[in-house]
Amino acid sequence: MSSTLTDEAQLKEALKAAILEILEERKDLVLDLVEEALEDIALSRAIEEGEQSEIVNRDEVFKALEGNH
């Protein structure tokens, strides 16, 4: 039984080392994943805020945009 625990511990350590090595070698992939996740969160929050705001018609939107120039 104790050799099984040792084998599991060694496997766990080897897996951790492999994952860390992949993450270090492919930092660009990790950064892309984090960036995409943050963009998804921001978009989700913007949609939720939009659902809570009052509805305005198209002309009011364009009038407001023209006023900012």
C-alpha atoms as a PDB file:
ATOM      1  CA  MET A   1       0.000   0.000   0.000  1.00  0.00           C
ATOM      2  CA  SER A   2       2.790   2.448   0.825  1.00  0.00           C
ATOM      3  CA  SER A   3       4.393   1.885  -2.607  1.00  0.00           C
ATOM      4  CA  THR A   4       1.069   2.881  -4.193  1.00  0.00           C
ATOM      5  CA  LEU A   5       1.078   6.118  -2.222  1.00  0.00           C
ATOM      6  CA  THR A   6       4.678   6.747  -3.266  1.00  0.00           C
ATOM      7  CA  ASP A   7       3.822   6.046  -6.915  1.00  0.00           C
ATOM      8  CA  GLU A   8       0.841   8.424  -6.703  1.00  0.00           C
ATOM      9  CA  ALA A   9       2.986  11.130  -5.121  1.00  0.00           C
ATOM     10  CA  GLN A  10       5.647  10.716  -7.799  1.00  0.00           C
ATOM     11  CA  LEU A  11       3.009  10.815 -10.529  1.00  0.00           C
ATOM     12  CA  LYS A  12       1.498  13.940  -9.001  1.00  0.00           C
ATOM     13  CA  GLU A  13       4.890  15.674  -8.853  1.00  0.00           C
ATOM     14  CA  ALA A  14       5.710  14.647 -12.434  1.00  0.00           C
ATOM     15  CA  LEU A  15       2.369  15.979 -13.630  1.00  0.00           C
ATOM     16  CA  LYS A  16       2.899  19.285 -11.803  1.00  0.00           C
ATOM     17  CA  ALA A  17       6.361  19.617 -13.328  1.00  0.00           C
ATOM     18  CA  ALA A  18       5.030  18.879 -16.821  1.00  0.00           C
ATOM     19  CA  ILE A  19       2.241  21.440 -16.491  1.00  0.00           C
ATOM     20  CA  LEU A  20       4.641  24.100 -15.188  1.00  0.00           C
ATOM     21  CA  GLU A  21       7.032  23.414 -18.053  1.00  0.00           C
ATOM     22  CA  ILE A  22       4.253  23.774 -20.619  1.00  0.00           C
ATOM     23  CA  LEU A  23       3.062  27.018 -19.029  1.00  0.00           C
ATOM     24  CA  GLU A  24       6.577  28.439 -19.002  1.00  0.00           C
ATOM     25  CA  GLU A  25       7.222  27.453 -22.614  1.00  0.00           C
ATOM     26  CA  ARG A  26       3.873  28.778 -23.864  1.00  0.00           C
ATOM     27  CA  LYS A  27       3.390  31.984 -21.887  1.00  0.00           C
ATOM     28  CA  ASP A  28       1.818  33.519 -24.984  1.00  0.00           C
ATOM     29  CA  LEU A  29      -0.946  30.912 -24.864  1.00  0.00           C
ATOM     30  CA  VAL A  30      -1.617  31.569 -21.193  1.00  0.00           C
ATOM     31  CA  LEU A  31      -1.715  35.332 -21.773  1.00  0.00           C
ATOM     32  CA  ASP A  32      -4.133  34.896 -24.682  1.00  0.00           C
ATOM     33  CA  LEU A  33      -6.428  32.743 -22.549  1.00  0.00           C
ATOM     34  CA  VAL A  34      -6.422  35.215 -19.670  1.00  0.00           C
ATOM     35  CA  GLU A  35      -6.991  38.159 -22.014  1.00  0.00           C
ATOM     36  CA  GLU A  36      -9.896  36.411 -23.702  1.00  0.00           C
ATOM     37  CA  ALA A  37     -11.455  35.529 -20.352  1.00  0.00           C
ATOM     38  CA  LEU A  38     -11.199  39.153 -19.179  1.00  0.00           C
ATOM     39  CA  GLU A  39     -12.770  40.392 -22.415  1.00  0.00           C
ATOM     40  CA  ASP A  40     -15.632  37.914 -21.982  1.00  0.00           C
ATOM     41  CA  ILE A  41     -16.209  39.127 -18.420  1.00  0.00           C
ATOM     42  CA  ALA A  42     -16.182  42.776 -19.517  1.00  0.00           C
ATOM     43  CA  LEU A  43     -18.604  42.077 -22.376  1.00  0.00           C
ATOM     44  CA  SER A  44     -20.916  40.185 -20.051  1.00  0.00           C
ATOM     45  CA  ARG A  45     -20.944  43.083 -17.583  1.00  0.00           C
ATOM     46  CA  ALA A  46     -21.591  45.595 -20.377  1.00  0.00           C
ATOM     47  CA  ILE A  47     -24.540  43.531 -21.585  1.00  0.00           C
ATOM     48  CA  GLU A  48     -25.946  43.324 -18.048  1.00  0.00           C
ATOM     49  CA  GLU A  49     -25.587  47.100 -17.616  1.00  0.00           C
ATOM     50  CA  GLY A  50     -27.265  47.650 -20.981  1.00  0.00           C
ATOM     51  CA  GLU A  51     -30.185  45.487 -19.976  1.00  0.00           C
ATOM     52  CA  GLN A  52     -30.683  47.645 -16.863  1.00  0.00           C
ATOM     53  CA  SER A  53     -30.517  51.006 -18.666  1.00  0.00           C
ATOM     54  CA  GLU A  54     -33.453  52.833 -20.168  1.00  0.00           C
ATOM     55  CA  ILE A  55     -34.337  52.310 -23.816  1.00  0.00           C
ATOM     56  CA  VAL A  56     -33.749  55.242 -26.172  1.00  0.00           C
ATOM     57  CA  ASN A  57     -34.617  55.562 -29.817  1.00  0.00           C
ATOM     58  CA  ARG A  58     -32.112  55.601 -32.659  1.00  0.00           C
ATOM     59  CA  ASP A  59     -32.392  59.339 -33.324  1.00  0.00           C
ATOM     60  CA  GLU A  60     -31.478  60.166 -29.721  1.00  0.00           C
ATOM     61  CA  VAL A  61     -28.361  58.029 -29.992  1.00  0.00           C
ATOM     62  CA  PHE A  62     -27.196  59.743 -33.180  1.00  0.00           C
ATOM     63  CA  LYS A  63     -27.998  63.167 -31.749  1.00  0.00           C
ATOM     64  CA  ALA A  64     -25.852  62.405 -28.714  1.00  0.00           C
ATOM     65  CA  LEU A  65     -23.008  61.151 -30.921  1.00  0.00           C
ATOM     66  CA  GLU A  66     -23.105  64.254 -33.123  1.00  0.00           C
ATOM     67  CA  GLY A  67     -23.015  66.482 -30.066  1.00  0.00           C
ATOM     68  CA  ASN A  68     -19.689  64.962 -28.962  1.00  0.00           C
ATOM     69  CA  HIS A  69     -17.763  66.072 -32.048  1.00  0.00           C
END
